[in-house]
Amino acid sequence: MMAADDQKLAGLIVTMNMATGDAKVAAIAAVVNELVAQRARMQMQMRMQAGMMEQMMSHMAAMHGPGGMMNKKAPEPAPGVSDQDHAAHHPEK
């Protein structure tokens, strides 16, 4: 989308630079209006991305915070199972 915006603005600037008289004023206005529109779109997109990031951070905090699922301890071995028995299926320990 930014490439298309850049291309549109480049075309308006060429037109502005070639224009004279009243056409020059109208071409300048077209460039300014396009810059304002692009800036508004960019700000809206940034606000949306910030909102999504905030939601993601909130979700992560809920997972990692007190009682969050990332803070749950691994289950204890069943009674009567020794570390040696457990090591049989976890050779890296």
C-alpha atoms as a PDB file:
ATOM      1  CA  MET A   1       0.000   0.000   0.000  1.00  0.00           C
ATOM      2  CA  MET A   2       2.871   2.367   0.800  1.00  0.00           C
ATOM      3  CA  ALA A   3       4.374   1.783  -2.642  1.00  0.00           C
ATOM      4  CA  ALA A   4       1.077   2.737  -4.275  1.00  0.00           C
ATOM      5  CA  ASP A   5       0.862   5.842  -2.068  1.00  0.00           C
ATOM      6  CA  ASP A   6       4.432   6.799  -2.995  1.00  0.00           C
ATOM      7  CA  GLN A   7       3.705   6.322  -6.674  1.00  0.00           C
ATOM      8  CA  LYS A   8       0.556   8.449  -6.498  1.00  0.00           C
ATOM      9  CA  LEU A   9       2.404  11.196  -4.655  1.00  0.00           C
ATOM     10  CA  ALA A  10       5.267  11.095  -7.171  1.00  0.00           C
ATOM     11  CA  GLY A  11       2.777  11.586 -10.012  1.00  0.00           C
ATOM     12  CA  LEU A  12       1.173  14.536  -8.251  1.00  0.00           C
ATOM     13  CA  ILE A  13       4.584  16.094  -7.656  1.00  0.00           C
ATOM     14  CA  VAL A  14       5.517  15.757 -11.341  1.00  0.00           C
ATOM     15  CA  THR A  15       2.244  17.447 -12.266  1.00  0.00           C
ATOM     16  CA  MET A  16       2.864  20.170  -9.678  1.00  0.00           C
ATOM     17  CA  ASN A  17       6.392  20.846 -10.903  1.00  0.00           C
ATOM     18  CA  MET A  18       5.255  21.134 -14.519  1.00  0.00           C
ATOM     19  CA  ALA A  19       2.259  23.359 -13.769  1.00  0.00           C
ATOM     20  CA  THR A  20       2.183  27.130 -13.991  1.00  0.00           C
ATOM     21  CA  GLY A  21      -0.227  29.858 -12.934  1.00  0.00           C
ATOM     22  CA  ASP A  22      -3.532  28.804 -11.386  1.00  0.00           C
ATOM     23  CA  ALA A  23      -2.864  25.179 -12.345  1.00  0.00           C
ATOM     24  CA  LYS A  24       0.230  25.287 -10.122  1.00  0.00           C
ATOM     25  CA  VAL A  25      -1.857  26.355  -7.120  1.00  0.00           C
ATOM     26  CA  ALA A  26      -4.352  23.549  -7.773  1.00  0.00           C
ATOM     27  CA  ALA A  27      -1.492  21.029  -8.164  1.00  0.00           C
ATOM     28  CA  ILE A  28       0.075  22.154  -4.878  1.00  0.00           C
ATOM     29  CA  ALA A  29      -3.298  21.735  -3.175  1.00  0.00           C
ATOM     30  CA  ALA A  30      -3.566  18.212  -4.631  1.00  0.00           C
ATOM     31  CA  VAL A  31      -0.134  17.303  -3.220  1.00  0.00           C
ATOM     32  CA  VAL A  32      -0.967  18.724   0.220  1.00  0.00           C
ATOM     33  CA  ASN A  33      -4.345  16.942   0.283  1.00  0.00           C
ATOM     34  CA  GLU A  34      -2.701  13.633  -0.657  1.00  0.00           C
ATOM     35  CA  LEU A  35      -0.043  14.040   2.039  1.00  0.00           C
ATOM     36  CA  VAL A  36      -2.731  14.731   4.644  1.00  0.00           C
ATOM     37  CA  ALA A  37      -4.779  11.707   3.525  1.00  0.00           C
ATOM     38  CA  GLN A  38      -1.734   9.416   3.603  1.00  0.00           C
ATOM     39  CA  ARG A  39      -0.744  10.652   7.047  1.00  0.00           C
ATOM     40  CA  ALA A  40      -4.258  10.037   8.380  1.00  0.00           C
ATOM     41  CA  ARG A  41      -4.239   6.483   6.976  1.00  0.00           C
ATOM     42  CA  MET A  42      -0.815   5.845   8.488  1.00  0.00           C
ATOM     43  CA  GLN A  43      -1.910   7.091  11.918  1.00  0.00           C
ATOM     44  CA  MET A  44      -5.029   4.930  11.824  1.00  0.00           C
ATOM     45  CA  GLN A  45      -2.949   1.882  10.890  1.00  0.00           C
ATOM     46  CA  MET A  46      -0.482   2.605  13.696  1.00  0.00           C
ATOM     47  CA  ARG A  47      -3.327   2.921  16.213  1.00  0.00           C
ATOM     48  CA  MET A  48      -4.765  -0.409  15.057  1.00  0.00           C
ATOM     49  CA  GLN A  49      -1.359  -2.099  15.332  1.00  0.00           C
ATOM     50  CA  ALA A  50      -0.804  -0.597  18.791  1.00  0.00           C
ATOM     51  CA  GLY A  51      -4.202  -1.913  19.877  1.00  0.00           C
ATOM     52  CA  MET A  52      -3.392  -5.389  18.607  1.00  0.00           C
ATOM     53  CA  MET A  53      -0.016  -5.273  20.363  1.00  0.00           C
ATOM     54  CA  GLU A  54      -1.703  -4.185  23.601  1.00  0.00           C
ATOM     55  CA  GLN A  55      -4.143  -7.094  23.359  1.00  0.00           C
ATOM     56  CA  MET A  56      -1.317  -9.526  22.717  1.00  0.00           C
ATOM     57  CA  MET A  57       0.693  -8.191  25.664  1.00  0.00           C
ATOM     58  CA  SER A  58      -2.361  -8.399  27.903  1.00  0.00           C
ATOM     59  CA  HIS A  59      -2.940 -11.990  26.816  1.00  0.00           C
ATOM     60  CA  MET A  60       0.703 -12.857  27.478  1.00  0.00           C
ATOM     61  CA  ALA A  61       0.578 -11.198  30.901  1.00  0.00           C
ATOM     62  CA  ALA A  62      -2.488 -13.263  31.763  1.00  0.00           C
ATOM     63  CA  MET A  63      -0.642 -16.420  30.748  1.00  0.00           C
ATOM     64  CA  HIS A  64       2.519 -15.550  32.691  1.00  0.00           C
ATOM     65  CA  GLY A  65       1.063 -13.646  35.631  1.00  0.00           C
ATOM     66  CA  PRO A  66       0.070 -15.073  39.009  1.00  0.00           C
ATOM     67  CA  GLY A  67      -1.818 -18.267  38.410  1.00  0.00           C
ATOM     68  CA  GLY A  68      -1.316 -17.989  34.646  1.00  0.00           C
ATOM     69  CA  MET A  69      -0.927 -21.190  32.719  1.00  0.00           C
ATOM     70  CA  MET A  70       2.812 -20.610  32.179  1.00  0.00           C
ATOM     71  CA  ASN A  71       3.369 -20.580  35.961  1.00  0.00           C
ATOM     72  CA  LYS A  72       1.845 -23.980  36.572  1.00  0.00           C
ATOM     73  CA  LYS A  73       4.313 -26.517  37.903  1.00  0.00           C
ATOM     74  CA  ALA A  74       5.005 -29.784  36.159  1.00  0.00           C
ATOM     75  CA  PRO A  75       3.062 -32.672  37.670  1.00  0.00           C
ATOM     76  CA  GLU A  76       4.808 -34.658  40.382  1.00  0.00           C
ATOM     77  CA  PRO A  77       5.846 -38.234  39.532  1.00  0.00           C
ATOM     78  CA  ALA A  78       3.458 -40.925  40.620  1.00  0.00           C
ATOM     79  CA  PRO A  79       4.123 -42.376  44.068  1.00  0.00           C
ATOM     80  CA  GLY A  80       6.580 -45.241  43.959  1.00  0.00           C
ATOM     81  CA  VAL A  81       8.295 -44.085  40.737  1.00  0.00           C
ATOM     82  CA  SER A  82      12.003 -43.498  41.247  1.00  0.00           C
ATOM     83  CA  ASP A  83      14.200 -41.017  39.401  1.00  0.00           C
ATOM     84  CA  GLN A  84      15.868 -43.978  37.712  1.00  0.00           C
ATOM     85  CA  ASP A  85      12.493 -45.199  36.357  1.00  0.00           C
ATOM     86  CA  HIS A  86      11.734 -41.690  35.169  1.00  0.00           C
ATOM     87  CA  ALA A  87      15.145 -41.349  33.460  1.00  0.00           C
ATOM     88  CA  ALA A  88      14.353 -44.318  31.247  1.00  0.00           C
ATOM     89  CA  HIS A  89      12.016 -42.236  29.096  1.00  0.00           C
ATOM     90  CA  HIS A  90      13.955 -38.958  29.569  1.00  0.00           C
ATOM     91  CA  PRO A  91      17.509 -39.918  28.619  1.00  0.00           C
ATOM     92  CA  GLU A  92      18.628 -36.263  28.496  1.00  0.00           C
ATOM     93  CA  LYS A  93      18.283 -35.964  32.317  1.00  0.00           C
END
